[in-house]
Protein backbone atom coordinates (compact mmCIF):
# COMPACT_ATOMS: atom_id res chain seq x y z
CA UNK A 1 -33.90 -4.11 66.68
CA UNK A 2 -35.28 -2.85 63.16
CA UNK A 3 -37.83 0.30 63.21
CA UNK A 4 -41.04 -0.53 62.30
CA UNK A 5 -40.27 1.18 58.91
CA UNK A 6 -36.59 -0.04 58.28
CA UNK A 7 -35.64 3.67 59.24
CA UNK A 8 -31.81 4.46 61.55
CA UNK A 9 -32.24 4.10 65.12
CA UNK A 10 -29.86 5.92 67.25
CA UNK A 11 -28.66 3.42 69.79
CA UNK A 12 -25.91 5.16 71.51
CA UNK A 13 -23.78 8.17 72.33
CA UNK A 14 -20.80 9.12 74.25
CA UNK A 15 -21.41 12.69 74.22
CA UNK A 16 -22.77 12.59 77.76
CA UNK A 17 -21.98 10.86 81.07
CA UNK A 18 -25.68 9.82 81.04
CA UNK A 19 -24.77 7.99 77.97
CA UNK A 20 -26.82 9.64 75.47
CA UNK A 21 -29.90 11.20 76.81
CA UNK A 22 -29.33 14.55 77.89
CA UNK A 23 -27.29 15.96 74.85
CA UNK A 24 -30.59 14.77 72.62
CA UNK A 25 -32.75 17.58 72.04
CA UNK A 26 -34.87 16.21 68.95
CA UNK A 27 -34.55 13.16 66.40
CA UNK A 28 -36.38 13.68 63.11
CA UNK A 29 -36.08 10.63 60.58
CA UNK A 30 -37.52 10.67 57.19
CA UNK A 31 -36.90 8.07 54.52
CA UNK A 32 -33.98 9.72 52.95
CA UNK A 33 -32.66 12.00 55.86
CA UNK A 34 -31.79 11.88 59.79
CA UNK A 35 -31.55 15.40 61.69
CA UNK A 36 -30.46 15.76 65.15
CA UNK A 37 -30.83 18.71 67.42
CA UNK A 38 -28.29 18.56 70.26
CA UNK A 39 -28.08 20.67 73.60
CA UNK A 40 -25.20 22.60 74.73
CA UNK A 41 -24.63 19.89 77.40
CA UNK A 42 -22.00 16.92 77.33
CA UNK A 43 -18.46 16.76 75.67
CA UNK A 44 -17.14 18.61 72.82
CA UNK A 45 -16.37 15.68 70.80
CA UNK A 46 -17.71 12.22 70.84
CA UNK A 47 -19.87 9.90 68.83
CA UNK A 48 -23.56 9.17 68.21
CA UNK A 49 -24.08 5.41 67.34
CA UNK A 50 -27.09 4.16 64.96
CA UNK A 51 -28.26 1.07 63.71
CA UNK A 52 -29.24 1.37 60.00
CA UNK A 53 -29.61 -1.36 57.12
CA UNK A 54 -28.88 1.61 54.45
CA UNK A 55 -25.23 3.42 54.54
CA UNK A 56 -25.27 6.67 56.24
CA UNK A 57 -23.31 9.74 55.14
CA UNK A 58 -22.53 13.47 56.59
CA UNK A 59 -24.60 16.12 55.00
CA UNK A 60 -23.89 18.69 57.26
CA UNK A 61 -24.11 20.30 60.92
CA UNK A 62 -24.19 23.55 62.59
CA UNK A 63 -22.31 24.79 65.79
CA UNK A 64 -20.09 21.03 65.82
CA UNK A 65 -18.33 19.10 62.76
CA UNK A 66 -19.09 15.85 61.70
CA UNK A 67 -15.40 14.22 61.47
CA UNK A 68 -16.23 11.00 59.84
CA UNK A 69 -19.34 8.50 59.60
CA UNK A 70 -17.70 5.19 59.80
CA UNK A 71 -19.28 1.84 59.04
CA UNK A 72 -18.27 -0.81 62.04
CA UNK A 73 -19.96 -3.75 60.45
CA UNK A 74 -23.50 -5.29 61.29
CA UNK A 75 -25.67 -2.75 60.18
CA UNK A 76 -23.57 -0.12 62.90
CA UNK A 77 -22.81 2.85 61.86
CA UNK A 78 -20.60 5.82 64.25
CA UNK A 79 -20.97 9.39 63.89
CA UNK A 80 -18.03 11.20 65.15
CA UNK A 81 -18.32 15.12 66.09
CA UNK A 82 -16.02 17.47 67.30
CA UNK A 83 -16.18 21.26 67.80
CA UNK A 84 -19.59 21.51 69.71
CA UNK A 85 -19.99 24.82 71.12
CA UNK A 86 -21.05 25.07 74.76
CA UNK A 87 -23.77 27.66 75.46
CA UNK A 88 -25.03 27.23 72.02
CA UNK A 89 -27.55 24.58 70.61
CA UNK A 90 -26.25 22.07 67.69
CA UNK A 91 -27.54 20.13 64.89
CA UNK A 92 -26.31 18.01 62.41
CA UNK A 93 -27.67 16.12 59.21
CA UNK A 94 -27.13 12.82 57.78
CA UNK A 95 -28.38 11.51 54.29
CA UNK A 96 -29.62 7.97 54.19
CA UNK A 97 -28.40 6.08 50.71
């Protein structure tokens, strides 16, 4: 389940009934950051789930709020969001520790 270069992988979402496809517009992953652009579709609050051998930490958001980043064990990280604003795109950034 590890990416070719060991970078974090988005493995799930509960922000939309489609369980993680419709609300994601773009994902950019570098050696130090994860940036995600969300559409305005889906629930106002929920979570994104990542597989990452390195810790993830909230770095900022636009038109939504990162409530917490939880280590669920076994290299699984849950990014909890709230306040997603309908009618506008949202984005969030995480740093890779």
